[in-house]
Protein backbone atom coordinates (compact mmCIF):
# COMPACT_ATOMS: atom_id res chain seq x y z
CA MET A 1 -18.07 15.35 11.40
CA ALA A 2 -16.79 13.26 8.52
CA GLN A 3 -19.16 11.99 5.86
CA VAL A 4 -19.55 8.26 5.21
CA ASP A 5 -17.14 8.40 2.25
CA ASP A 6 -14.61 10.48 4.17
CA ARG A 7 -13.46 7.92 6.71
CA ASN A 8 -9.91 7.07 7.63
CA THR A 9 -8.54 4.47 5.25
CA ILE A 10 -6.49 2.61 7.86
CA LEU A 11 -9.45 2.16 10.19
CA GLU A 12 -11.83 1.24 7.38
CA ASN A 13 -9.48 -1.49 6.12
CA LEU A 14 -9.06 -3.16 9.50
CA ASP A 15 -10.72 -6.44 10.37
CA LEU A 16 -14.16 -5.68 11.85
CA ASP A 17 -13.25 -6.89 15.35
CA ASP A 18 -10.00 -4.89 15.33
CA ARG A 19 -11.81 -1.78 14.12
CA ARG A 20 -14.53 -2.07 16.76
CA LEU A 21 -11.93 -2.50 19.50
CA ILE A 22 -10.07 0.67 18.50
CA ILE A 23 -13.17 2.77 17.84
CA ALA A 24 -14.55 1.90 21.27
CA ALA A 25 -11.55 3.69 22.78
CA MET A 26 -11.77 6.73 20.49
CA SER A 27 -13.33 10.17 20.67
CA ASP A 28 -14.40 12.21 17.64
CA PHE A 29 -13.46 15.84 17.14
CA ASP A 30 -13.48 18.51 14.46
CA PHE A 31 -10.44 20.70 13.89
CA GLU A 32 -9.99 24.06 12.22
CA SER A 33 -7.11 25.32 10.11
CA GLY A 34 -4.38 26.27 12.57
CA TYR A 35 -5.31 23.69 15.21
CA VAL A 36 -2.13 22.34 16.81
CA PHE A 37 -2.11 18.60 17.48
CA CYS A 38 1.36 18.59 19.05
CA GLU A 39 4.48 20.71 19.43
CA PRO A 40 8.16 19.70 19.21
CA GLY A 41 9.34 18.18 22.47
CA GLU A 42 5.86 17.28 23.70
CA GLU A 43 5.03 13.73 24.67
CA ILE A 44 2.68 12.14 22.13
CA ARG A 45 -0.30 11.37 24.33
CA TYR A 46 -2.87 10.88 21.58
CA ILE A 47 -2.87 9.29 18.15
CA SER A 48 -5.31 11.05 15.79
CA PHE A 49 -6.73 9.24 12.76
CA VAL A 50 -7.76 11.85 10.20
CA ASP A 51 -11.16 11.34 8.55
CA ALA A 52 -11.27 14.58 6.56
CA GLY A 53 -9.06 17.63 6.15
CA LEU A 54 -5.31 17.98 6.02
CA VAL A 55 -2.61 18.08 8.69
CA SER A 56 1.01 19.15 8.15
CA ALA A 57 3.95 17.95 10.22
CA VAL A 58 6.26 20.96 10.26
CA ALA A 59 9.94 21.03 11.24
CA ILE A 60 10.89 24.26 13.01
CA MET A 61 14.45 25.60 12.89
CA THR A 62 16.06 27.58 15.70
CA ASN A 63 15.80 30.78 13.62
CA GLY A 64 12.05 30.27 13.25
CA GLU A 65 12.11 29.05 9.66
CA THR A 66 9.79 26.14 8.89
CA VAL A 67 9.45 23.42 6.30
CA GLU A 68 6.87 20.69 5.97
CA ALA A 69 8.26 17.23 6.70
CA TYR A 70 5.13 15.36 5.61
CA MET A 71 1.36 15.73 5.41
CA VAL A 72 -1.44 13.55 6.74
CA GLY A 73 -4.95 13.09 5.39
CA ARG A 74 -7.49 10.31 5.64
CA GLU A 75 -4.80 7.80 4.59
CA GLY A 76 -2.96 8.13 7.89
CA PHE A 77 -2.71 9.28 11.48
CA VAL A 78 -1.03 12.03 13.46
CA GLY A 79 1.51 10.93 16.06
CA VAL A 80 3.15 8.21 14.00
CA THR A 81 6.25 8.06 16.21
CA GLY A 82 4.14 7.33 19.31
CA TRP A 83 2.17 4.24 18.32
CA LEU A 84 4.97 1.75 19.01
CA VAL A 85 6.78 3.20 22.05
CA PRO A 86 6.37 6.30 24.25
CA PHE A 87 7.91 9.17 22.30
CA ARG A 88 8.19 12.94 22.11
CA SER A 89 7.27 14.74 18.93
CA SER A 90 10.05 16.25 16.82
CA VAL A 91 7.64 18.34 14.74
CA ARG A 92 4.63 20.61 15.06
CA CYS A 93 1.52 18.93 13.69
CA ILE A 94 -0.96 21.57 12.60
CA GLY A 95 -4.26 21.53 10.75
CA GLN A 96 -3.93 23.10 7.28
CA VAL A 97 -7.39 22.27 5.90
CA ALA A 98 -10.22 22.06 8.45
CA GLY A 99 -11.62 18.60 8.95
CA SER A 100 -12.39 15.87 11.46
CA ALA A 101 -10.51 13.10 13.20
CA ARG A 102 -10.81 10.37 15.79
CA ARG A 103 -8.22 10.12 18.52
CA ILE A 104 -7.14 7.44 20.95
CA GLU A 105 -4.67 7.54 23.82
CA ALA A 106 -1.27 6.46 22.53
CA ARG A 107 -0.89 4.17 25.53
CA ARG A 108 -4.14 2.38 24.72
CA LEU A 109 -3.28 2.02 21.03
CA ARG A 110 0.06 0.45 21.98
CA GLU A 111 -1.80 -2.04 24.16
CA ILE A 112 -4.20 -2.95 21.35
CA ALA A 113 -1.38 -3.24 18.80
CA GLY A 114 0.47 -5.54 21.17
CA GLU A 115 -2.53 -7.85 21.26
CA ARG A 116 -3.77 -7.66 17.67
CA ALA A 117 -1.47 -8.64 14.79
CA GLY A 118 -3.74 -7.03 12.20
CA VAL A 119 -3.54 -3.67 13.95
CA ARG A 120 0.27 -3.90 14.20
CA LEU A 121 0.50 -4.67 10.48
CA ALA A 122 -1.78 -1.79 9.47
CA LEU A 123 0.04 0.76 11.62
CA GLY A 124 3.43 -0.58 10.59
CA ASN A 125 2.54 -0.40 6.90
CA TYR A 126 1.62 3.25 7.22
CA ALA A 127 4.80 4.05 9.17
CA ALA A 128 6.86 2.26 6.51
CA SER A 129 5.18 4.11 3.62
CA LEU A 130 5.75 7.40 5.43
CA GLN A 131 9.44 6.54 5.84
CA VAL A 132 9.72 5.93 2.08
CA GLU A 133 8.09 9.31 1.44
CA LEU A 134 10.55 11.04 3.78
CA GLU A 135 13.53 9.36 2.11
CA GLN A 136 12.26 10.35 -1.34
CA SER A 137 11.60 13.91 -0.19
CA ALA A 138 15.18 14.33 1.02
CA ALA A 139 16.45 13.69 -2.52
CA CYS A 140 13.62 15.68 -4.09
CA ASN A 141 14.33 18.82 -2.05
CA ALA A 142 17.98 18.72 -3.03
CA ILE A 143 17.62 17.95 -6.74
CA HIS A 144 14.28 18.92 -8.23
CA LYS A 145 13.03 22.31 -9.36
CA ALA A 146 10.65 24.39 -7.24
CA GLU A 147 7.95 24.13 -9.91
CA GLN A 148 8.09 20.33 -9.74
CA ARG A 149 8.02 20.34 -5.95
CA LEU A 150 5.04 22.72 -5.90
CA ALA A 151 3.21 20.44 -8.31
CA LYS A 152 3.99 17.51 -6.02
CA TRP A 153 2.71 19.36 -2.96
CA LEU A 154 -0.52 20.32 -4.72
CA LEU A 155 -1.10 16.76 -5.95
CA ARG A 156 -0.49 15.32 -2.50
CA ALA A 157 -2.88 17.85 -0.97
CA HIS A 158 -5.46 17.11 -3.68
CA ASP A 159 -5.18 13.38 -2.98
CA ARG A 160 -6.03 13.98 0.68
CA THR A 161 -8.93 16.41 0.34
CA SER A 162 -12.28 16.35 -1.40
CA SER A 163 -12.02 19.73 -3.10
CA ASP A 164 -10.25 21.25 -6.09
CA THR A 165 -9.92 24.48 -4.11
CA LEU A 166 -7.16 24.95 -1.55
CA PHE A 167 -6.92 28.06 0.60
CA MET A 168 -3.23 28.78 1.05
CA THR A 169 -1.13 31.92 0.81
CA GLN A 170 2.15 32.06 -1.09
CA GLU A 171 3.89 32.70 2.22
CA PHE A 172 2.41 29.50 3.60
CA LEU A 173 3.45 27.50 0.52
CA GLY A 174 6.95 28.95 0.80
CA ASN A 175 7.13 27.82 4.41
CA MET A 176 5.89 24.35 3.54
CA LEU A 177 8.34 23.96 0.66
CA GLY A 178 11.23 25.62 2.47
CA THR A 179 11.75 28.19 -0.27
CA GLN A 180 11.45 31.94 -0.84
CA ARG A 181 8.03 33.47 -1.45
CA THR A 182 9.26 34.89 -4.75
CA THR A 183 10.21 31.40 -5.88
CA VAL A 184 6.72 30.14 -5.03
CA THR A 185 5.23 33.06 -6.96
CA GLU A 186 7.27 32.23 -10.06
CA SER A 187 6.41 28.54 -9.81
CA ALA A 188 2.70 29.23 -9.33
CA GLN A 189 2.71 31.60 -12.30
CA SER A 190 4.38 28.94 -14.43
CA LEU A 191 1.76 26.33 -13.46
CA ALA A 192 -1.01 28.85 -14.09
CA ALA A 193 0.38 29.60 -17.55
CA LEU A 194 0.17 25.89 -18.34
CA GLY A 195 -3.48 25.84 -17.28
CA ALA A 196 -2.84 23.56 -14.29
CA ILE A 197 -4.01 25.99 -11.61
CA SER A 198 -5.37 29.46 -11.03
CA TYR A 199 -4.32 31.49 -8.02
CA SER A 200 -5.65 34.62 -6.35
CA ARG A 201 -5.78 36.01 -2.80
CA GLY A 202 -4.76 32.83 -1.04
CA ARG A 203 -7.00 30.58 -3.14
CA VAL A 204 -5.51 27.87 -5.34
CA LEU A 205 -7.88 26.20 -7.79
CA ILE A 206 -6.66 23.00 -9.41
CA ARG A 207 -7.97 23.33 -12.95
CA ASP A 208 -6.21 20.45 -14.69
CA ARG A 209 -4.73 17.69 -12.56
CA GLY A 210 -3.35 16.00 -15.67
CA VAL A 211 -1.04 18.94 -16.32
CA LEU A 212 0.26 18.79 -12.75
CA GLU A 213 0.97 15.09 -13.23
CA LYS A 214 3.04 15.90 -16.32
CA VAL A 215 5.03 18.60 -14.54
CA VAL A 216 5.63 16.80 -11.24
CA CYS A 217 8.90 14.98 -10.57
CA GLU A 218 9.22 11.21 -10.22
CA CYS A 219 9.07 11.45 -6.42
CA TYR A 220 5.30 11.84 -6.36
CA ALA A 221 4.64 8.56 -8.18
CA ALA A 222 7.35 6.71 -6.23
CA ALA A 223 5.89 7.60 -2.83
CA LYS A 224 2.29 7.07 -3.99
CA ALA A 225 3.06 3.60 -5.31
CA VAL A 226 4.19 2.50 -1.85
CA SER A 227 1.21 4.04 -0.02
CA ASP A 228 -1.26 2.56 -2.53
CA HIS A 229 0.20 -0.94 -2.27
CA PRO A 230 1.22 -1.64 1.36
CA ARG A 231 2.86 -4.87 2.35
CA THR A 232 0.65 -7.64 3.66
């Protein structure tokens, strides 16, 4: 279960009455790395608010290749396309770092959002910030170097977890970034040489976040600015 300081930001920032109404309809659960929240084409029946851990929304190509579309931590919820209208998922949402979440039936959340303006605003703000991140990522993937994109991924993961240590293989990082494993290896070695990280046997240790922030492209700050300052 999540600790007191590892609670979902959206839920914690709701008006007390709104929060109580949603939590009353929720169930808590822990998830492991590899837990699948939804698959492409499946109806989104539940909305899961992450309290701790990390979830990746992964696009899957017909040839089996994958790339991460976005990630979700305690700042957001899984099933973002299903909170407003009934919808089928276009991505696989899978736990990358074990954690905990609270889930509510999508149908019930839509009912509550229809009745409570504060809930609609909170959910809409998150959906809007995620859209900005997706738009920025489209340009980032086309223009910026693999080293910069790896730094961005590590910073985003670090923002959403409570540990400097991330357990991820180079193959996994390649799949998430949509690049060759050799490219990830070269980028990781470059960041290690700068003292930003150390890497061995699927374990990434963030040694100097400041170095990562110097290496990363502008896209990290642009997306973070929107998520840190939602519209009211």
